[in-house]
Amino acid sequence: MSRSFSNGRGMTPFDPLDIASTPSGAPLVPPLAIRLRRTEILTIVYRTSRAAAASLIPQPPRLASDLCVLHVYHMHDAEWFGVYCESAWQIPVLLPDGTDAVYASRPRPCAGSGAPPAAVSSPGSCQAPT
């Protein structure tokens, strides 16, 4: 569907929910789902010092466990990305209302700098293994 954003007097009204890609009509990345072929995932769960884990968590979430999960992904043939490697970590937290959540780093390229972490809610995922 093609849409003109100009009526000669400036922008015309449009519903931003109709935009499926950015920039509109010329996406920088392909539509999902991206196929990841020949992917290796190394997942490590370990106990860390509570002080070290708590130092990574901003307020108001609070540390729920001393468990830390580290993921390293090596994608040998990721559609659009080619060969790609990234890593991320997750730490269980409690939100102010007591809801279980996971505080996670955003995926980072293995050989480069990454974005700051973001909290991702994940009810029920923070139970320690029994």
Protein backbone atom coordinates (compact mmCIF):
# COMPACT_ATOMS: atom_id res chain seq x y z
CA MET A 1 0.00 0.00 0.00
CA SER A 2 1.48 3.32 -1.07
CA ARG A 3 0.60 6.47 0.81
CA SER A 4 1.52 10.08 0.19
CA PHE A 5 2.51 11.99 3.32
CA SER A 6 2.23 15.39 1.66
CA ASN A 7 -0.79 17.33 0.46
CA GLY A 8 1.18 20.37 -0.72
CA ARG A 9 0.57 22.14 2.60
CA GLY A 10 2.76 19.93 4.79
CA MET A 11 2.22 16.56 6.41
CA THR A 12 -1.10 14.79 6.12
CA PRO A 13 -2.50 12.93 9.14
CA PHE A 14 -1.63 9.25 9.34
CA ASP A 15 -1.85 6.48 11.88
CA PRO A 16 1.68 5.57 13.11
CA LEU A 17 0.40 2.06 13.87
CA ASP A 18 0.05 1.54 10.09
CA ILE A 19 3.83 1.84 9.68
CA ALA A 20 5.39 -1.62 9.61
CA SER A 21 9.03 -0.62 9.07
CA THR A 22 11.43 2.24 9.53
CA PRO A 23 12.02 4.27 7.55
CA SER A 24 8.47 3.83 6.25
CA GLY A 25 8.50 2.11 2.88
CA ALA A 26 12.27 1.50 2.94
CA PRO A 27 13.14 -0.74 5.92
CA LEU A 28 16.74 -0.95 7.10
CA VAL A 29 16.25 -4.56 8.24
CA PRO A 30 14.13 -7.28 6.68
CA PRO A 31 10.75 -8.16 8.14
CA LEU A 32 10.80 -10.79 10.86
CA ALA A 33 11.21 -13.71 11.11
CA ILE A 34 14.90 -13.81 10.28
CA ARG A 35 16.23 -17.32 9.73
CA LEU A 36 19.27 -18.27 11.80
CA ARG A 37 20.97 -21.29 10.29
CA ARG A 38 23.84 -23.19 11.93
CA THR A 39 23.50 -21.37 15.24
CA GLU A 40 25.50 -22.31 18.34
CA ILE A 41 24.27 -21.13 21.75
CA LEU A 42 26.39 -21.51 24.86
CA THR A 43 24.38 -20.92 28.04
CA ILE A 44 26.12 -20.77 31.40
CA VAL A 45 24.25 -20.46 34.72
CA TYR A 46 26.41 -19.66 37.71
CA ARG A 47 26.25 -18.17 41.18
CA THR A 48 27.89 -14.80 41.64
CA SER A 49 28.40 -12.53 44.61
CA ARG A 50 25.19 -10.76 45.56
CA ALA A 51 27.08 -7.47 45.82
CA ALA A 52 28.43 -7.81 42.26
CA ALA A 53 25.00 -8.67 40.85
CA ALA A 54 23.24 -5.92 42.82
CA SER A 55 25.72 -3.34 41.51
CA LEU A 56 24.39 -3.95 37.98
CA ILE A 57 20.73 -3.43 38.86
CA PRO A 58 19.31 0.11 38.99
CA GLN A 59 16.54 1.03 41.40
CA PRO A 60 13.66 0.27 41.78
CA PRO A 61 14.09 -3.44 40.87
CA ARG A 62 15.93 -5.43 43.53
CA LEU A 63 18.04 -8.55 43.26
CA ALA A 64 16.05 -11.80 43.58
CA SER A 65 18.88 -14.35 43.42
CA ASP A 66 22.62 -14.71 43.14
CA LEU A 67 22.17 -16.66 39.88
CA CYS A 68 23.47 -15.15 36.65
CA VAL A 69 22.79 -16.49 33.16
CA LEU A 70 25.26 -15.80 30.37
CA HIS A 71 24.41 -16.54 26.73
CA VAL A 72 26.91 -16.51 23.86
CA TYR A 73 25.47 -16.90 20.36
CA HIS A 74 27.48 -17.75 17.26
CA MET A 75 25.34 -17.61 14.14
CA HIS A 76 27.23 -19.02 11.18
CA ASP A 77 24.54 -18.05 8.67
CA ALA A 78 22.06 -15.48 9.95
CA GLU A 79 19.80 -14.18 7.20
CA TRP A 80 20.71 -10.55 6.45
CA PHE A 81 23.48 -10.46 9.13
CA GLY A 82 25.76 -13.16 7.67
CA VAL A 83 28.20 -14.57 10.23
CA TYR A 84 27.39 -12.96 13.58
CA CYS A 85 28.33 -13.43 17.23
CA GLU A 86 26.82 -11.77 20.32
CA SER A 87 26.51 -12.22 24.07
CA ALA A 88 24.03 -11.24 26.77
CA TRP A 89 23.51 -11.80 30.51
CA GLN A 90 20.41 -12.04 32.69
CA ILE A 91 19.92 -11.62 36.44
CA PRO A 92 16.63 -12.41 38.26
CA VAL A 93 15.04 -9.37 39.93
CA LEU A 94 11.86 -8.43 41.76
CA LEU A 95 9.90 -5.40 40.61
CA PRO A 96 8.51 -3.01 43.25
CA ASP A 97 5.15 -4.85 43.23
CA GLY A 98 6.92 -8.19 43.86
CA THR A 99 6.59 -9.46 40.28
CA ASP A 100 9.42 -11.72 39.09
CA ALA A 101 11.39 -10.24 36.21
CA VAL A 102 14.74 -10.60 34.53
CA TYR A 103 17.19 -7.72 34.24
CA ALA A 104 19.09 -8.31 31.04
CA SER A 105 21.80 -6.76 28.99
CA ARG A 106 20.86 -6.08 25.42
CA PRO A 107 22.66 -8.44 23.06
CA ARG A 108 26.18 -7.19 22.33
CA PRO A 109 28.40 -8.04 19.42
CA CYS A 110 31.20 -10.18 20.83
CA ALA A 111 33.97 -7.96 19.50
CA GLY A 112 32.32 -4.56 19.93
CA SER A 113 30.58 -2.24 22.32
CA GLY A 114 26.94 -2.72 23.19
CA ALA A 115 23.89 -0.85 24.35
CA PRO A 116 23.00 -0.28 28.01
CA PRO A 117 20.99 -3.01 29.77
CA ALA A 118 17.21 -3.09 29.86
CA ALA A 119 14.78 -4.72 32.29
CA VAL A 120 12.59 -7.37 30.67
CA SER A 121 9.61 -8.73 32.57
CA SER A 122 9.40 -12.49 32.60
CA PRO A 123 6.91 -13.76 35.20
CA GLY A 124 7.75 -17.11 36.71
CA SER A 125 11.21 -17.38 35.17
CA CYS A 126 13.20 -16.46 38.26
CA GLN A 127 12.84 -19.62 40.32
CA ALA A 128 16.15 -21.17 41.29
CA PRO A 129 16.64 -24.76 40.16
CA THR A 130 15.60 -27.34 42.76
